[in-house]
Amino acid sequence: MKRYQIGKKVFISAALVMLSMPAYAYLDPGTGSIILQAIIASVVVGFASLRLWWDKFIGLFSARKNDKKLNPQNNETDEVGTDKEGKN
């Protein structure tokens, strides 16, 4: 049953495309450059957003690594450089 409906839709779509009237529209030479600029801008924005998401994704793992470096379990930095009286 679905096959019949899909075939019917394809036939109707093809008939409408064949029976369409010409538009008599004018595209000036600047239209092509605007379309090219839009394509280039879309690609650049896509790469920029991927870069930002990638940095955030990597930041999730590097933040945990930096936390371990900042808060070590044996804190030797307090003991180094002090004498018995607590003076440097």
PDB file of N, CA and C in Angstrom:
ATOM      1  N   MET A   1       0.818  -1.191   0.000  1.00  0.00           N
ATOM      2  CA  MET A   1       0.000   0.000   0.000  1.00  0.00           C
ATOM      3  C   MET A   1       0.867   1.262   0.000  1.00  0.00           C
ATOM      4  N   LYS A   2       1.940   1.291   0.807  1.00  0.00           N
ATOM      5  CA  LYS A   2       2.812   2.464   0.860  1.00  0.00           C
ATOM      6  C   LYS A   2       3.526   2.669  -0.465  1.00  0.00           C
ATOM      7  N   ARG A   3       3.831   1.591  -1.125  1.00  0.00           N
ATOM      8  CA  ARG A   3       4.530   1.684  -2.391  1.00  0.00           C
ATOM      9  C   ARG A   3       3.678   2.425  -3.421  1.00  0.00           C
ATOM     10  N   TYR A   4       2.404   2.165  -3.391  1.00  0.00           N
ATOM     11  CA  TYR A   4       1.478   2.823  -4.300  1.00  0.00           C
ATOM     12  C   TYR A   4       1.415   4.323  -3.995  1.00  0.00           C
ATOM     13  N   GLN A   5       1.417   4.679  -2.716  1.00  0.00           N
ATOM     14  CA  GLN A   5       1.334   6.092  -2.333  1.00  0.00           C
ATOM     15  C   GLN A   5       2.611   6.841  -2.713  1.00  0.00           C
ATOM     16  N   ILE A   6       3.766   6.205  -2.538  1.00  0.00           N
ATOM     17  CA  ILE A   6       5.027   6.853  -2.897  1.00  0.00           C
ATOM     18  C   ILE A   6       5.096   7.070  -4.402  1.00  0.00           C
ATOM     19  N   GLY A   7       4.699   6.079  -5.178  1.00  0.00           N
ATOM     20  CA  GLY A   7       4.694   6.210  -6.631  1.00  0.00           C
ATOM     21  C   GLY A   7       3.753   7.305  -7.099  1.00  0.00           C
ATOM     22  N   LYS A   8       2.626   7.433  -6.435  1.00  0.00           N
ATOM     23  CA  LYS A   8       1.656   8.465  -6.782  1.00  0.00           C
ATOM     24  C   LYS A   8       2.235   9.858  -6.512  1.00  0.00           C
ATOM     25  N   LYS A   9       2.936   9.994  -5.370  1.00  0.00           N
ATOM     26  CA  LYS A   9       3.535  11.286  -5.024  1.00  0.00           C
ATOM     27  C   LYS A   9       4.647  11.656  -6.000  1.00  0.00           C
ATOM     28  N   VAL A  10       5.443  10.690  -6.406  1.00  0.00           N
ATOM     29  CA  VAL A  10       6.520  10.953  -7.359  1.00  0.00           C
ATOM     30  C   VAL A  10       5.928  11.381  -8.705  1.00  0.00           C
ATOM     31  N   PHE A  11       4.887  10.720  -9.140  1.00  0.00           N
ATOM     32  CA  PHE A  11       4.241  11.058 -10.413  1.00  0.00           C
ATOM     33  C   PHE A  11       3.660  12.460 -10.383  1.00  0.00           C
ATOM     34  N   ILE A  12       2.998  12.806  -9.297  1.00  0.00           N
ATOM     35  CA  ILE A  12       2.399  14.140  -9.188  1.00  0.00           C
ATOM     36  C   ILE A  12       3.488  15.212  -9.149  1.00  0.00           C
ATOM     37  N   SER A  13       4.567  14.951  -8.415  1.00  0.00           N
ATOM     38  CA  SER A  13       5.677  15.919  -8.347  1.00  0.00           C
ATOM     39  C   SER A  13       6.313  16.117  -9.714  1.00  0.00           C
ATOM     40  N   ALA A  14       6.531  15.035 -10.447  1.00  0.00           N
ATOM     41  CA  ALA A  14       7.130  15.136 -11.779  1.00  0.00           C
ATOM     42  C   ALA A  14       6.197  15.901 -12.722  1.00  0.00           C
ATOM     43  N   ALA A  15       4.904  15.665 -12.635  1.00  0.00           N
ATOM     44  CA  ALA A  15       3.951  16.362 -13.494  1.00  0.00           C
ATOM     45  C   ALA A  15       3.937  17.858 -13.201  1.00  0.00           C
ATOM     46  N   LEU A  16       4.015  18.218 -11.923  1.00  0.00           N
ATOM     47  CA  LEU A  16       4.023  19.638 -11.573  1.00  0.00           C
ATOM     48  C   LEU A  16       5.289  20.340 -12.045  1.00  0.00           C
ATOM     49  N   VAL A  17       6.429  19.644 -11.990  1.00  0.00           N
ATOM     50  CA  VAL A  17       7.680  20.231 -12.460  1.00  0.00           C
ATOM     51  C   VAL A  17       7.640  20.429 -13.967  1.00  0.00           C
ATOM     52  N   MET A  18       7.066  19.490 -14.696  1.00  0.00           N
ATOM     53  CA  MET A  18       7.011  19.585 -16.157  1.00  0.00           C
ATOM     54  C   MET A  18       6.013  20.647 -16.627  1.00  0.00           C
ATOM     55  N   LEU A  19       5.013  20.918 -15.834  1.00  0.00           N
ATOM     56  CA  LEU A  19       3.977  21.868 -16.248  1.00  0.00           C
ATOM     57  C   LEU A  19       4.232  23.281 -15.728  1.00  0.00           C
ATOM     58  N   SER A  20       5.342  23.521 -15.056  1.00  0.00           N
ATOM     59  CA  SER A  20       5.599  24.846 -14.495  1.00  0.00           C
ATOM     60  C   SER A  20       5.869  25.857 -15.601  1.00  0.00           C
ATOM     61  N   MET A  21       5.537  27.093 -15.332  1.00  0.00           N
ATOM     62  CA  MET A  21       5.696  28.168 -16.298  1.00  0.00           C
ATOM     63  C   MET A  21       7.046  28.850 -16.063  1.00  0.00           C
ATOM     64  N   PRO A  22       7.651  29.433 -17.077  1.00  0.00           N
ATOM     65  CA  PRO A  22       8.913  30.151 -16.880  1.00  0.00           C
ATOM     66  C   PRO A  22       8.703  31.392 -16.002  1.00  0.00           C
ATOM     67  N   ALA A  23       9.714  31.748 -15.239  1.00  0.00           N
ATOM     68  CA  ALA A  23       9.593  32.848 -14.287  1.00  0.00           C
ATOM     69  C   ALA A  23       9.991  34.184 -14.899  1.00  0.00           C
ATOM     70  N   TYR A  24      10.792  34.200 -15.943  1.00  0.00           N
ATOM     71  CA  TYR A  24      11.305  35.423 -16.543  1.00  0.00           C
ATOM     72  C   TYR A  24      12.006  36.297 -15.489  1.00  0.00           C
ATOM     73  N   ALA A  25      12.794  35.660 -14.653  1.00  0.00           N
ATOM     74  CA  ALA A  25      13.508  36.366 -13.584  1.00  0.00           C
ATOM     75  C   ALA A  25      14.899  36.736 -14.070  1.00  0.00           C
ATOM     76  N   TYR A  26      15.460  37.760 -13.452  1.00  0.00           N
ATOM     77  CA  TYR A  26      16.793  38.232 -13.814  1.00  0.00           C
ATOM     78  C   TYR A  26      17.701  38.108 -12.602  1.00  0.00           C
ATOM     79  N   LEU A  27      18.846  37.480 -12.807  1.00  0.00           N
ATOM     80  CA  LEU A  27      19.860  37.388 -11.762  1.00  0.00           C
ATOM     81  C   LEU A  27      21.060  38.196 -12.225  1.00  0.00           C
ATOM     82  N   ASP A  28      21.378  39.257 -11.491  1.00  0.00           N
ATOM     83  CA  ASP A  28      22.505  40.087 -11.900  1.00  0.00           C
ATOM     84  C   ASP A  28      23.822  39.392 -11.546  1.00  0.00           C
ATOM     85  N   PRO A  29      24.952  39.853 -12.075  1.00  0.00           N
ATOM     86  CA  PRO A  29      26.242  39.193 -11.857  1.00  0.00           C
ATOM     87  C   PRO A  29      26.687  39.152 -10.392  1.00  0.00           C
ATOM     88  N   GLY A  30      26.220  40.071  -9.580  1.00  0.00           N
ATOM     89  CA  GLY A  30      26.606  40.085  -8.171  1.00  0.00           C
ATOM     90  C   GLY A  30      25.980  38.955  -7.360  1.00  0.00           C
ATOM     91  N   THR A  31      24.958  38.330  -7.877  1.00  0.00           N
ATOM     92  CA  THR A  31      24.284  37.261  -7.148  1.00  0.00           C
ATOM     93  C   THR A  31      25.203  36.076  -6.924  1.00  0.00           C
ATOM     94  N   GLY A  32      25.993  35.743  -7.914  1.00  0.00           N
ATOM     95  CA  GLY A  32      26.916  34.612  -7.774  1.00  0.00           C
ATOM     96  C   GLY A  32      27.952  34.853  -6.691  1.00  0.00           C
ATOM     97  N   SER A  33      28.468  36.083  -6.606  1.00  0.00           N
ATOM     98  CA  SER A  33      29.467  36.372  -5.576  1.00  0.00           C
ATOM     99  C   SER A  33      28.845  36.356  -4.186  1.00  0.00           C
ATOM    100  N   ILE A  34      27.609  36.795  -4.056  1.00  0.00           N
ATOM    101  CA  ILE A  34      26.933  36.755  -2.759  1.00  0.00           C
ATOM    102  C   ILE A  34      26.719  35.304  -2.318  1.00  0.00           C
ATOM    103  N   ILE A  35      26.329  34.455  -3.252  1.00  0.00           N
ATOM    104  CA  ILE A  35      26.139  33.041  -2.922  1.00  0.00           C
ATOM    105  C   ILE A  35      27.470  32.417  -2.525  1.00  0.00           C
ATOM    106  N   LEU A  36      28.541  32.738  -3.240  1.00  0.00           N
ATOM    107  CA  LEU A  36      29.870  32.214  -2.907  1.00  0.00           C
ATOM    108  C   LEU A  36      30.317  32.697  -1.523  1.00  0.00           C
ATOM    109  N   GLN A  37      30.085  33.960  -1.203  1.00  0.00           N
ATOM    110  CA  GLN A  37      30.436  34.486   0.116  1.00  0.00           C
ATOM    111  C   GLN A  37      29.649  33.793   1.214  1.00  0.00           C
ATOM    112  N   ALA A  38      28.382  33.505   0.969  1.00  0.00           N
ATOM    113  CA  ALA A  38      27.559  32.820   1.966  1.00  0.00           C
ATOM    114  C   ALA A  38      28.072  31.402   2.210  1.00  0.00           C
ATOM    115  N   ILE A  39      28.490  30.722   1.166  1.00  0.00           N
ATOM    116  CA  ILE A  39      29.022  29.362   1.312  1.00  0.00           C
ATOM    117  C   ILE A  39      30.326  29.385   2.097  1.00  0.00           C
ATOM    118  N   ILE A  40      31.220  30.317   1.746  1.00  0.00           N
ATOM    119  CA  ILE A  40      32.507  30.415   2.449  1.00  0.00           C
ATOM    120  C   ILE A  40      32.285  30.777   3.918  1.00  0.00           C
ATOM    121  N   ALA A  41      31.377  31.719   4.186  1.00  0.00           N
ATOM    122  CA  ALA A  41      31.101  32.122   5.565  1.00  0.00           C
ATOM    123  C   ALA A  41      30.523  30.957   6.368  1.00  0.00           C
ATOM    124  N   SER A  42      29.673  30.156   5.761  1.00  0.00           N
ATOM    125  CA  SER A  42      29.097  29.006   6.455  1.00  0.00           C
ATOM    126  C   SER A  42      30.177  27.999   6.830  1.00  0.00           C
ATOM    127  N   VAL A  43      31.102  27.760   5.928  1.00  0.00           N
ATOM    128  CA  VAL A  43      32.188  26.822   6.206  1.00  0.00           C
ATOM    129  C   VAL A  43      33.084  27.343   7.335  1.00  0.00           C
ATOM    130  N   VAL A  44      33.416  28.623   7.290  1.00  0.00           N
ATOM    131  CA  VAL A  44      34.286  29.212   8.313  1.00  0.00           C
ATOM    132  C   VAL A  44      33.608  29.178   9.687  1.00  0.00           C
ATOM    133  N   VAL A  45      32.335  29.526   9.741  1.00  0.00           N
ATOM    134  CA  VAL A  45      31.601  29.489  11.008  1.00  0.00           C
ATOM    135  C   VAL A  45      31.512  28.056  11.524  1.00  0.00           C
ATOM    136  N   GLY A  46      31.323  27.107  10.636  1.00  0.00           N
ATOM    137  CA  GLY A  46      31.281  25.703  11.051  1.00  0.00           C
ATOM    138  C   GLY A  46      32.594  25.258  11.669  1.00  0.00           C
ATOM    139  N   PHE A  47      33.720  25.602  11.032  1.00  0.00           N
ATOM    140  CA  PHE A  47      35.020  25.225  11.594  1.00  0.00           C
ATOM    141  C   PHE A  47      35.293  25.941  12.915  1.00  0.00           C
ATOM    142  N   ALA A  48      34.891  27.198  13.022  1.00  0.00           N
ATOM    143  CA  ALA A  48      35.113  27.949  14.262  1.00  0.00           C
ATOM    144  C   ALA A  48      34.311  27.346  15.406  1.00  0.00           C
ATOM    145  N   SER A  49      33.072  26.980  15.154  1.00  0.00           N
ATOM    146  CA  SER A  49      32.266  26.394  16.221  1.00  0.00           C
ATOM    147  C   SER A  49      32.789  25.014  16.609  1.00  0.00           C
ATOM    148  N   LEU A  50      33.260  24.246  15.635  1.00  0.00           N
ATOM    149  CA  LEU A  50      33.867  22.955  15.969  1.00  0.00           C
ATOM    150  C   LEU A  50      35.113  23.140  16.825  1.00  0.00           C
ATOM    151  N   ARG A  51      35.901  24.162  16.516  1.00  0.00           N
ATOM    152  CA  ARG A  51      37.109  24.431  17.299  1.00  0.00           C
ATOM    153  C   ARG A  51      36.764  24.800  18.743  1.00  0.00           C
ATOM    154  N   LEU A  52      35.747  25.637  18.914  1.00  0.00           N
ATOM    155  CA  LEU A  52      35.339  26.018  20.264  1.00  0.00           C
ATOM    156  C   LEU A  52      34.826  24.811  21.050  1.00  0.00           C
ATOM    157  N   TRP A  53      34.007  23.975  20.420  1.00  0.00           N
ATOM    158  CA  TRP A  53      33.495  22.783  21.101  1.00  0.00           C
ATOM    159  C   TRP A  53      34.627  21.825  21.413  1.00  0.00           C
ATOM    160  N   TRP A  54      35.593  21.705  20.520  1.00  0.00           N
ATOM    161  CA  TRP A  54      36.722  20.809  20.757  1.00  0.00           C
ATOM    162  C   TRP A  54      37.553  21.293  21.944  1.00  0.00           C
ATOM    163  N   ASP A  55      37.792  22.610  22.029  1.00  0.00           N
ATOM    164  CA  ASP A  55      38.541  23.159  23.159  1.00  0.00           C
ATOM    165  C   ASP A  55      37.808  22.924  24.473  1.00  0.00           C
ATOM    166  N   LYS A  56      36.484  23.072  24.472  1.00  0.00           N
ATOM    167  CA  LYS A  56      35.712  22.803  25.688  1.00  0.00           C
ATOM    168  C   LYS A  56      35.773  21.326  26.061  1.00  0.00           C
ATOM    169  N   PHE A  57      35.719  20.462  25.060  1.00  0.00           N
ATOM    170  CA  PHE A  57      35.781  19.018  25.310  1.00  0.00           C
ATOM    171  C   PHE A  57      37.136  18.634  25.894  1.00  0.00           C
ATOM    172  N   ILE A  58      38.208  19.157  25.327  1.00  0.00           N
ATOM    173  CA  ILE A  58      39.552  18.884  25.842  1.00  0.00           C
ATOM    174  C   ILE A  58      39.726  19.525  27.217  1.00  0.00           C
ATOM    175  N   GLY A  59      39.093  20.676  27.432  1.00  0.00           N
ATOM    176  CA  GLY A  59      39.173  21.360  28.714  1.00  0.00           C
ATOM    177  C   GLY A  59      38.592  20.545  29.858  1.00  0.00           C
ATOM    178  N   LEU A  60      37.633  19.700  29.562  1.00  0.00           N
ATOM    179  CA  LEU A  60      37.072  18.844  30.604  1.00  0.00           C
ATOM    180  C   LEU A  60      38.137  17.922  31.190  1.00  0.00           C
ATOM    181  N   PHE A  61      38.989  17.400  30.342  1.00  0.00           N
ATOM    182  CA  PHE A  61      40.008  16.462  30.802  1.00  0.00           C
ATOM    183  C   PHE A  61      41.227  17.177  31.365  1.00  0.00           C
ATOM    184  N   SER A  62      41.593  18.318  30.791  1.00  0.00           N
ATOM    185  CA  SER A  62      42.763  19.026  31.291  1.00  0.00           C
ATOM    186  C   SER A  62      42.471  19.704  32.625  1.00  0.00           C
ATOM    187  N   ALA A  63      41.229  20.076  32.893  1.00  0.00           N
ATOM    188  CA  ALA A  63      40.883  20.692  34.172  1.00  0.00           C
ATOM    189  C   ALA A  63      41.084  19.692  35.301  1.00  0.00           C
ATOM    190  N   ARG A  64      40.729  18.474  35.093  1.00  0.00           N
ATOM    191  CA  ARG A  64      40.931  17.447  36.118  1.00  0.00           C
ATOM    192  C   ARG A  64      42.410  17.210  36.340  1.00  0.00           C
ATOM    193  N   LYS A  65      43.175  17.262  35.293  1.00  0.00           N
ATOM    194  CA  LYS A  65      44.616  17.047  35.401  1.00  0.00           C
ATOM    195  C   LYS A  65      45.262  18.193  36.183  1.00  0.00           C
ATOM    196  N   ASN A  66      44.837  19.434  35.896  1.00  0.00           N
ATOM    197  CA  ASN A  66      45.383  20.597  36.598  1.00  0.00           C
ATOM    198  C   ASN A  66      44.980  20.589  38.069  1.00  0.00           C
ATOM    199  N   ASP A  67      43.788  20.112  38.406  1.00  0.00           N
ATOM    200  CA  ASP A  67      43.374  20.040  39.804  1.00  0.00           C
ATOM    201  C   ASP A  67      44.283  19.114  40.597  1.00  0.00           C
ATOM    202  N   LYS A  68      44.711  18.037  40.010  1.00  0.00           N
ATOM    203  CA  LYS A  68      45.612  17.116  40.695  1.00  0.00           C
ATOM    204  C   LYS A  68      46.972  17.753  40.909  1.00  0.00           C
ATOM    205  N   LYS A  69      47.404  18.589  39.954  1.00  0.00           N
ATOM    206  CA  LYS A  69      48.698  19.256  40.101  1.00  0.00           C
ATOM    207  C   LYS A  69      48.626  20.344  41.171  1.00  0.00           C
ATOM    208  N   LEU A  70      47.486  21.039  41.256  1.00  0.00           N
ATOM    209  CA  LEU A  70      47.352  22.121  42.224  1.00  0.00           C
ATOM    210  C   LEU A  70      47.179  21.615  43.653  1.00  0.00           C
ATOM    211  N   ASN A  71      46.539  20.491  43.843  1.00  0.00           N
ATOM    212  CA  ASN A  71      46.270  19.953  45.169  1.00  0.00           C
ATOM    213  C   ASN A  71      46.895  18.571  45.340  1.00  0.00           C
ATOM    214  N   PRO A  72      48.211  18.489  45.419  1.00  0.00           N
ATOM    215  CA  PRO A  72      48.822  17.166  45.624  1.00  0.00           C
ATOM    216  C   PRO A  72      48.546  16.685  47.046  1.00  0.00           C
ATOM    217  N   GLN A  73      48.558  15.384  47.246  1.00  0.00           N
ATOM    218  CA  GLN A  73      48.244  14.832  48.565  1.00  0.00           C
ATOM    219  C   GLN A  73      49.362  15.084  49.560  1.00  0.00           C
ATOM    220  N   ASN A  74      50.607  14.911  49.159  1.00  0.00           N
ATOM    221  CA  ASN A  74      51.703  15.250  50.070  1.00  0.00           C
ATOM    222  C   ASN A  74      52.215  16.629  49.674  1.00  0.00           C
ATOM    223  N   ASN A  75      51.954  17.593  50.501  1.00  0.00           N
ATOM    224  CA  ASN A  75      52.241  18.989  50.201  1.00  0.00           C
ATOM    225  C   ASN A  75      53.652  19.315  50.665  1.00  0.00           C
ATOM    226  N   GLU A  76      54.632  19.150  49.793  1.00  0.00           N
ATOM    227  CA  GLU A  76      56.029  19.354  50.132  1.00  0.00           C
ATOM    228  C   GLU A  76      56.440  20.819  50.011  1.00  0.00           C
ATOM    229  N   THR A  77      55.664  21.643  49.350  1.00  0.00           N
ATOM    230  CA  THR A  77      56.060  23.037  49.143  1.00  0.00           C
ATOM    231  C   THR A  77      56.055  23.816  50.453  1.00  0.00           C
ATOM    232  N   ASP A  78      55.228  23.457  51.430  1.00  0.00           N
ATOM    233  CA  ASP A  78      55.202  24.162  52.710  1.00  0.00           C
ATOM    234  C   ASP A  78      56.439  23.838  53.546  1.00  0.00           C
ATOM    235  N   GLU A  79      56.972  22.662  53.381  1.00  0.00           N
ATOM    236  CA  GLU A  79      58.099  22.229  54.197  1.00  0.00           C
ATOM    237  C   GLU A  79      59.434  22.728  53.654  1.00  0.00           C
ATOM    238  N   VAL A  80      59.532  22.976  52.384  1.00  0.00           N
ATOM    239  CA  VAL A  80      60.784  23.380  51.769  1.00  0.00           C
ATOM    240  C   VAL A  80      61.039  24.852  52.072  1.00  0.00           C
ATOM    241  N   GLY A  81      62.264  25.193  52.509  1.00  0.00           N
ATOM    242  CA  GLY A  81      62.643  26.573  52.697  1.00  0.00           C
ATOM    243  C   GLY A  81      62.337  27.123  54.078  1.00  0.00           C
ATOM    244  N   THR A  82      61.786  26.365  54.983  1.00  0.00           N
ATOM    245  CA  THR A  82      61.536  26.860  56.331  1.00  0.00           C
ATOM    246  C   THR A  82      62.449  26.135  57.306  1.00  0.00           C
ATOM    247  N   ASP A  83      62.940  26.862  58.264  1.00  0.00           N
ATOM    248  CA  ASP A  83      63.755  26.225  59.294  1.00  0.00           C
ATOM    249  C   ASP A  83      62.884  25.857  60.484  1.00  0.00           C
ATOM    250  N   LYS A  84      63.462  25.463  61.563  1.00  0.00           N
ATOM    251  CA  LYS A  84      62.729  24.945  62.699  1.00  0.00           C
ATOM    252  C   LYS A  84      61.865  26.017  63.380  1.00  0.00           C
ATOM    253  N   GLU A  85      62.262  27.265  63.278  1.00  0.00           N
ATOM    254  CA  GLU A  85      61.529  28.331  63.945  1.00  0.00           C
ATOM    255  C   GLU A  85      60.389  28.878  63.070  1.00  0.00           C
ATOM    256  N   GLY A  86      60.277  28.444  61.836  1.00  0.00           N
ATOM    257  CA  GLY A  86      59.217  28.889  60.960  1.00  0.00           C
ATOM    258  C   GLY A  86      59.610  30.101  60.139  1.00  0.00           C
ATOM    259  N   LYS A  87      60.886  30.501  60.201  1.00  0.00           N
ATOM    260  CA  LYS A  87      61.358  31.632  59.405  1.00  0.00           C
ATOM    261  C   LYS A  87      61.990  31.127  58.117  1.00  0.00           C
ATOM    262  N   ASN A  88      61.987  31.938  57.085  1.00  0.00           N
ATOM    263  CA  ASN A  88      62.628  31.559  55.814  1.00  0.00           C
ATOM    264  C   ASN A  88      64.071  31.858  55.821  1.00  0.00           C
TER     265      ASN A  88
END
